[in-house]
Each structure stands twice: as structure tokens, then as C-alpha cells.
Amino acid sequence: MTFGEKMVKARLALNLSPTELAEMIGVSERSIYNSEQCGTYPRKSVLNRLAEVLNVTISYLMDDNE
């Protein structure tokens, strides 16, 4: 599973919309879209908040084999 696929899966498990997730971690909706659809990795500080909000580890998000 790719980074974007894992993001979507974790977000949906929490019943969050892309807009809600963006607001919770302090980024734009476009940033969420880029990460989920294009596989763009966020900055480290955003990645930390993302993992915390989604209740997953950074290694889970970053490792395509996990």
C-alpha cells in the first residue's frame, strides 16, 4: 500500500473528510489531496501531526511494505 492509500484508509477509519483532516493538522485541502492522490510527502513537522491525528506511526505511513 502506498503512502497516499494508507492516509486515505486511516482518515476514513476515523470518519474524517479531507477538509477536516486538513484543519486538524493545519494544512490546506490541496496538501491533503496532493498527499493522498499524488503521493507527495509532507514536511516532517506536518508528517508528525498527521501520524498523531490519524493514530498511526510514521513508519506505517512511510514504509510501502508495511
Protein backbone atom coordinates (compact mmCIF):
# COMPACT_ATOMS: atom_id res chain seq x y z
CA MET A 1 0.00 0.00 0.00
CA THR A 2 1.31 3.46 -0.85
CA PHE A 3 1.63 6.47 1.44
CA GLY A 4 -1.49 8.05 -0.07
CA GLU A 5 -3.54 4.87 0.20
CA LYS A 6 -2.59 4.50 3.86
CA MET A 7 -3.55 8.11 4.50
CA VAL A 8 -6.97 7.61 2.94
CA LYS A 9 -7.54 4.34 4.82
CA ALA A 10 -6.60 5.87 8.18
CA ARG A 11 -8.63 9.03 7.52
CA LEU A 12 -11.72 7.06 6.58
CA ALA A 13 -11.33 4.79 9.62
CA LEU A 14 -11.72 7.95 11.72
CA ASN A 15 -14.61 9.15 9.56
CA LEU A 16 -12.79 12.36 8.64
CA SER A 17 -13.19 14.31 5.43
CA PRO A 18 -10.10 15.70 3.71
CA THR A 19 -11.20 19.16 4.84
CA GLU A 20 -11.48 18.09 8.47
CA LEU A 21 -8.08 16.42 8.38
CA ALA A 22 -6.51 19.50 6.80
CA GLU A 23 -7.94 21.73 9.52
CA MET A 24 -6.79 19.37 12.28
CA ILE A 25 -3.17 19.33 11.13
CA GLY A 26 -3.00 22.92 9.90
CA VAL A 27 -2.54 22.47 6.16
CA SER A 28 -4.58 23.22 3.07
CA GLU A 29 -7.04 20.80 1.50
CA ARG A 30 -4.76 20.85 -1.52
CA SER A 31 -1.93 19.45 0.61
CA ILE A 32 -4.15 16.56 1.68
CA TYR A 33 -5.15 15.95 -1.94
CA ASN A 34 -1.51 16.02 -3.09
CA SER A 35 -0.53 13.51 -0.43
CA GLU A 36 -3.46 11.16 -0.97
CA GLN A 37 -3.71 11.28 -4.76
CA CYS A 38 -0.21 12.19 -5.92
CA GLY A 39 1.85 10.59 -3.18
CA THR A 40 3.52 13.84 -2.19
CA TYR A 41 5.15 13.54 1.22
CA PRO A 42 4.53 16.38 3.68
CA ARG A 43 7.25 18.16 5.64
CA LYS A 44 8.48 16.35 8.74
CA SER A 45 6.57 18.60 11.15
CA VAL A 46 3.34 18.02 9.22
CA LEU A 47 4.05 14.30 8.99
CA ASN A 48 4.35 14.15 12.78
CA ARG A 49 0.96 15.86 13.25
CA LEU A 50 -0.59 13.71 10.53
CA ALA A 51 0.50 10.47 12.19
CA GLU A 52 -0.70 11.71 15.56
CA VAL A 53 -4.14 12.74 14.29
CA LEU A 54 -4.57 9.54 12.26
CA ASN A 55 -3.41 7.47 15.23
CA VAL A 56 -0.74 5.65 13.21
CA THR A 57 3.04 5.59 13.29
CA ILE A 58 5.23 7.50 10.87
CA SER A 59 6.91 4.24 9.88
CA TYR A 60 3.50 2.79 8.95
CA LEU A 61 2.83 5.74 6.64
CA MET A 62 6.30 5.81 5.09
CA ASP A 63 7.01 2.09 4.59
CA ASP A 64 5.31 0.80 1.44
CA ASN A 65 5.88 -2.78 2.61
CA GLU A 66 4.02 -2.34 5.89
